[in-house]
Each structure stands twice: as C-alpha cells, then as structure tokens.
Amino acid sequence: MPRPPKCRRVEQFPMVTCFKPAGIPGTELDEVVISVEEIEAIRLRDLLELEHEECAEKMLVSRPTFHRILASARKKIAFALINGAALKVTGGSFKLAQHKLECRRCGHQWVGTVCCRRTVCPACAQKDWQITE
C-alpha cells in the first residue's frame, strides 16, 4: 500500500479555480482536475521563474518531488489546451502558509493565510493589505 502524500506548503489559494474554452457550455466539455499544489508549482517555477531547488524549499518537498508535481501540472494543462477541455483547480494535499499581514488603510497587523479574493483586514474589513514578512 503506497504511503499517503505529505502536506505541501502553498503560499496562496488560487484566485480562479476554473478555466474553460470560450463559447462552449461547460456541460459539453471534458474536465481536467489539477490540484492546488500543482498550480503552486506552476506559479513558482513558470510565473516567478524560481529555480527547482528554491521552489522545492518553498513547498517543503524534495527537488525530485517538486519536479514530479510540476511535470504532472504541465501535462494536465497541455492536455486541456490542446484538447479543449475545462481545467478545474481543486483538492490536493496542502496547507496554506501563514503570513504577517498589514492593512494599508488602518495599519492593523495580523497573521493569516492569503487568498486574494477573501483576505480582509479583521479590524476594518478592507481588502487593501500587504505581506510584511
């Protein structure tokens, strides 16, 4: 019996969790499921252009494990793009990173997870915050 996957560190939850080709109803599309940690691997390597070693450290996994996560994510994205399938971000074995946050409006500081759509200042309920670590 295989060992269950370790919990991977993800810095922020994705802002968008579903992508589909324009003009085709979702009910008519095949769906490819990509995990949150696979999206994090794409973000770190392809968007931020960090080296594999840095990415692996940020996600708290070994370099070979990071490479497998990244390869799996790229294969799923390529399949969805080439075959016109919907791409749904869901599931996985991950834990959101805790950050020191500060509200730009009222100056309140707190520790919490980052989700660009949902993170609000607990003091003034504004979405105008920054990471201060």
C-alpha atoms as a PDB file:
ATOM      1  CA  MET A   1       0.000   0.000   0.000  1.00  0.00           C
ATOM      2  CA  PRO A   2       1.515   3.384  -1.004  1.00  0.00           C
ATOM      3  CA  ARG A   3       2.334   5.988   1.580  1.00  0.00           C
ATOM      4  CA  PRO A   4      -0.083   8.964   1.652  1.00  0.00           C
ATOM      5  CA  PRO A   5       1.395  12.181   0.210  1.00  0.00           C
ATOM      6  CA  LYS A   6       2.930  14.681   2.606  1.00  0.00           C
ATOM      7  CA  CYS A   7       1.202  18.007   3.097  1.00  0.00           C
ATOM      8  CA  ARG A   8       2.743  20.571   0.729  1.00  0.00           C
ATOM      9  CA  ARG A   9       3.088  24.269   1.571  1.00  0.00           C
ATOM     10  CA  VAL A  10       1.132  26.652  -0.663  1.00  0.00           C
ATOM     11  CA  GLU A  11       1.639  30.403  -0.285  1.00  0.00           C
ATOM     12  CA  GLN A  12      -1.792  31.467  -1.516  1.00  0.00           C
ATOM     13  CA  PHE A  13      -5.008  29.898  -2.704  1.00  0.00           C
ATOM     14  CA  PRO A  14      -5.574  30.465  -6.449  1.00  0.00           C
ATOM     15  CA  MET A  15      -7.792  33.430  -7.347  1.00  0.00           C
ATOM     16  CA  VAL A  16      -9.544  31.492 -10.122  1.00  0.00           C
ATOM     17  CA  THR A  17     -10.350  27.795  -9.874  1.00  0.00           C
ATOM     18  CA  CYS A  18     -11.957  27.019 -13.232  1.00  0.00           C
ATOM     19  CA  PHE A  19     -10.859  27.686 -16.819  1.00  0.00           C
ATOM     20  CA  LYS A  20     -12.758  26.645 -19.934  1.00  0.00           C
ATOM     21  CA  PRO A  21     -12.752  27.378 -23.659  1.00  0.00           C
ATOM     22  CA  ALA A  22     -14.963  30.329 -24.605  1.00  0.00           C
ATOM     23  CA  GLY A  23     -18.248  29.691 -26.369  1.00  0.00           C
ATOM     24  CA  ILE A  24     -18.694  26.066 -25.327  1.00  0.00           C
ATOM     25  CA  PRO A  25     -21.047  25.188 -22.462  1.00  0.00           C
ATOM     26  CA  GLY A  26     -19.258  23.540 -19.549  1.00  0.00           C
ATOM     27  CA  THR A  27     -21.609  20.561 -19.717  1.00  0.00           C
ATOM     28  CA  GLU A  28     -20.209  19.683 -23.153  1.00  0.00           C
ATOM     29  CA  LEU A  29     -16.551  19.739 -22.095  1.00  0.00           C
ATOM     30  CA  ASP A  30     -14.243  17.113 -20.660  1.00  0.00           C
ATOM     31  CA  GLU A  31     -12.834  18.240 -17.320  1.00  0.00           C
ATOM     32  CA  VAL A  32      -9.219  18.012 -16.205  1.00  0.00           C
ATOM     33  CA  VAL A  33      -8.667  18.303 -12.450  1.00  0.00           C
ATOM     34  CA  ILE A  34      -5.441  19.942 -11.308  1.00  0.00           C
ATOM     35  CA  SER A  35      -4.552  20.140  -7.614  1.00  0.00           C
ATOM     36  CA  VAL A  36      -3.786  23.318  -5.679  1.00  0.00           C
ATOM     37  CA  GLU A  37      -0.173  22.258  -5.150  1.00  0.00           C
ATOM     38  CA  GLU A  38       0.236  21.675  -8.903  1.00  0.00           C
ATOM     39  CA  ILE A  39      -0.931  25.249  -9.541  1.00  0.00           C
ATOM     40  CA  GLU A  40       1.514  26.447  -6.860  1.00  0.00           C
ATOM     41  CA  ALA A  41       4.346  24.605  -8.642  1.00  0.00           C
ATOM     42  CA  ILE A  42       3.429  26.333 -11.942  1.00  0.00           C
ATOM     43  CA  ARG A  43       3.254  29.705 -10.161  1.00  0.00           C
ATOM     44  CA  LEU A  44       6.655  29.312  -8.512  1.00  0.00           C
ATOM     45  CA  ARG A  45       8.564  27.903 -11.493  1.00  0.00           C
ATOM     46  CA  ASP A  46       6.904  29.399 -14.560  1.00  0.00           C
ATOM     47  CA  LEU A  47       5.488  32.681 -13.271  1.00  0.00           C
ATOM     48  CA  LEU A  48       8.073  33.675 -10.637  1.00  0.00           C
ATOM     49  CA  GLU A  49      10.866  31.851 -12.544  1.00  0.00           C
ATOM     50  CA  LEU A  50      12.441  30.400  -9.406  1.00  0.00           C
ATOM     51  CA  GLU A  51      14.893  27.505  -9.671  1.00  0.00           C
ATOM     52  CA  HIS A  52      13.654  23.992  -8.837  1.00  0.00           C
ATOM     53  CA  GLU A  53      15.623  23.944  -5.586  1.00  0.00           C
ATOM     54  CA  GLU A  54      14.040  27.208  -4.378  1.00  0.00           C
ATOM     55  CA  CYS A  55      10.571  26.039  -5.388  1.00  0.00           C
ATOM     56  CA  ALA A  56      11.022  22.757  -3.541  1.00  0.00           C
ATOM     57  CA  GLU A  57      12.151  24.599  -0.399  1.00  0.00           C
ATOM     58  CA  LYS A  58       9.137  26.923  -0.531  1.00  0.00           C
ATOM     59  CA  MET A  59       6.748  23.966  -0.882  1.00  0.00           C
ATOM     60  CA  LEU A  60       8.603  21.908   1.778  1.00  0.00           C
ATOM     61  CA  VAL A  61       9.226  18.965  -0.570  1.00  0.00           C
ATOM     62  CA  SER A  62      12.316  17.381  -2.113  1.00  0.00           C
ATOM     63  CA  ARG A  63      13.542  18.575  -5.505  1.00  0.00           C
ATOM     64  CA  PRO A  64      12.546  15.308  -7.243  1.00  0.00           C
ATOM     65  CA  THR A  65       9.055  15.550  -5.705  1.00  0.00           C
ATOM     66  CA  PHE A  66       8.745  19.149  -6.892  1.00  0.00           C
ATOM     67  CA  HIS A  67       9.771  18.062 -10.388  1.00  0.00           C
ATOM     68  CA  ARG A  68       7.073  15.346 -10.419  1.00  0.00           C
ATOM     69  CA  ILE A  69       4.406  17.815  -9.240  1.00  0.00           C
ATOM     70  CA  LEU A  70       5.458  20.327 -11.922  1.00  0.00           C
ATOM     71  CA  ALA A  71       5.569  17.709 -14.698  1.00  0.00           C
ATOM     72  CA  SER A  72       2.093  16.462 -13.763  1.00  0.00           C
ATOM     73  CA  ALA A  73       0.708  20.025 -13.765  1.00  0.00           C
ATOM     74  CA  ARG A  74       2.225  20.856 -17.148  1.00  0.00           C
ATOM     75  CA  LYS A  75       0.881  17.646 -18.684  1.00  0.00           C
ATOM     76  CA  LYS A  76      -2.658  18.398 -17.442  1.00  0.00           C
ATOM     77  CA  ILE A  77      -2.531  21.997 -18.675  1.00  0.00           C
ATOM     78  CA  ALA A  78      -1.212  20.903 -22.081  1.00  0.00           C
ATOM     79  CA  PHE A  79      -3.970  18.291 -22.383  1.00  0.00           C
ATOM     80  CA  ALA A  80      -6.652  20.866 -21.542  1.00  0.00           C
ATOM     81  CA  LEU A  81      -5.277  23.432 -24.011  1.00  0.00           C
ATOM     82  CA  ILE A  82      -4.742  21.022 -26.894  1.00  0.00           C
ATOM     83  CA  ASN A  83      -7.995  19.085 -26.474  1.00  0.00           C
ATOM     84  CA  GLY A  84     -10.249  21.982 -25.470  1.00  0.00           C
ATOM     85  CA  ALA A  85     -11.052  20.625 -22.013  1.00  0.00           C
ATOM     86  CA  ALA A  86     -12.078  22.591 -18.929  1.00  0.00           C
ATOM     87  CA  LEU A  87      -9.421  22.896 -16.229  1.00  0.00           C
ATOM     88  CA  LYS A  88     -10.658  22.736 -12.626  1.00  0.00           C
ATOM     89  CA  VAL A  89      -8.380  23.543  -9.666  1.00  0.00           C
ATOM     90  CA  THR A  90      -9.391  21.537  -6.625  1.00  0.00           C
ATOM     91  CA  GLY A  91      -8.116  19.222  -3.922  1.00  0.00           C
ATOM     92  CA  GLY A  92      -4.655  18.028  -3.142  1.00  0.00           C
ATOM     93  CA  SER A  93      -2.603  17.624  -0.010  1.00  0.00           C
ATOM     94  CA  PHE A  94      -1.599  21.127   1.009  1.00  0.00           C
ATOM     95  CA  LYS A  95      -1.511  23.643   3.831  1.00  0.00           C
ATOM     96  CA  LEU A  96      -1.739  27.383   3.276  1.00  0.00           C
ATOM     97  CA  ALA A  97       1.259  29.333   4.533  1.00  0.00           C
ATOM     98  CA  GLN A  98       0.803  31.822   7.351  1.00  0.00           C
ATOM     99  CA  HIS A  99       1.972  35.375   6.623  1.00  0.00           C
ATOM    100  CA  LYS A 100       2.357  38.568   8.616  1.00  0.00           C
ATOM    101  CA  LEU A 101      -0.152  40.954   7.055  1.00  0.00           C
ATOM    102  CA  GLU A 102      -0.734  44.679   7.454  1.00  0.00           C
ATOM    103  CA  CYS A 103      -3.745  46.735   6.403  1.00  0.00           C
ATOM    104  CA  ARG A 104      -2.768  49.710   4.243  1.00  0.00           C
ATOM    105  CA  ARG A 105      -5.877  51.608   5.350  1.00  0.00           C
ATOM    106  CA  CYS A 106      -5.889  51.309   9.152  1.00  0.00           C
ATOM    107  CA  GLY A 107      -2.408  49.871   9.847  1.00  0.00           C
ATOM    108  CA  HIS A 108      -3.741  46.803  11.709  1.00  0.00           C
ATOM    109  CA  GLN A 109      -1.299  43.854  11.690  1.00  0.00           C
ATOM    110  CA  TRP A 110      -2.249  40.188  11.920  1.00  0.00           C
ATOM    111  CA  VAL A 111      -1.070  36.712  10.955  1.00  0.00           C
ATOM    112  CA  GLY A 112      -3.163  34.785   8.466  1.00  0.00           C
ATOM    113  CA  THR A 113      -3.412  32.940   5.179  1.00  0.00           C
ATOM    114  CA  VAL A 114      -3.586  34.722   1.843  1.00  0.00           C
ATOM    115  CA  CYS A 115      -6.436  34.358  -0.600  1.00  0.00           C
ATOM    116  CA  CYS A 116      -6.541  37.439  -2.816  1.00  0.00           C
ATOM    117  CA  ARG A 117     -10.332  37.344  -3.106  1.00  0.00           C
ATOM    118  CA  ARG A 118     -11.179  36.577   0.528  1.00  0.00           C
ATOM    119  CA  THR A 119      -8.478  38.016   2.785  1.00  0.00           C
ATOM    120  CA  VAL A 120      -9.769  41.117   4.579  1.00  0.00           C
ATOM    121  CA  CYS A 121      -8.490  43.166   7.480  1.00  0.00           C
ATOM    122  CA  PRO A 122     -10.141  41.902  10.681  1.00  0.00           C
ATOM    123  CA  ALA A 123     -10.230  45.471  12.059  1.00  0.00           C
ATOM    124  CA  CYS A 124     -11.768  47.447   9.158  1.00  0.00           C
ATOM    125  CA  ALA A 125     -12.904  44.687   6.714  1.00  0.00           C
ATOM    126  CA  GLN A 126     -10.954  46.210   3.798  1.00  0.00           C
ATOM    127  CA  LYS A 127      -9.105  44.165   1.156  1.00  0.00           C
ATOM    128  CA  ASP A 128      -6.226  46.658   0.958  1.00  0.00           C
ATOM    129  CA  TRP A 129      -3.439  44.735   2.740  1.00  0.00           C
ATOM    130  CA  GLN A 130       0.187  43.743   2.195  1.00  0.00           C
ATOM    131  CA  ILE A 131       2.508  40.971   3.324  1.00  0.00           C
ATOM    132  CA  THR A 132       5.101  42.355   5.742  1.00  0.00           C
ATOM    133  CA  GLU A 133       7.416  39.356   6.373  1.00  0.00           C
END
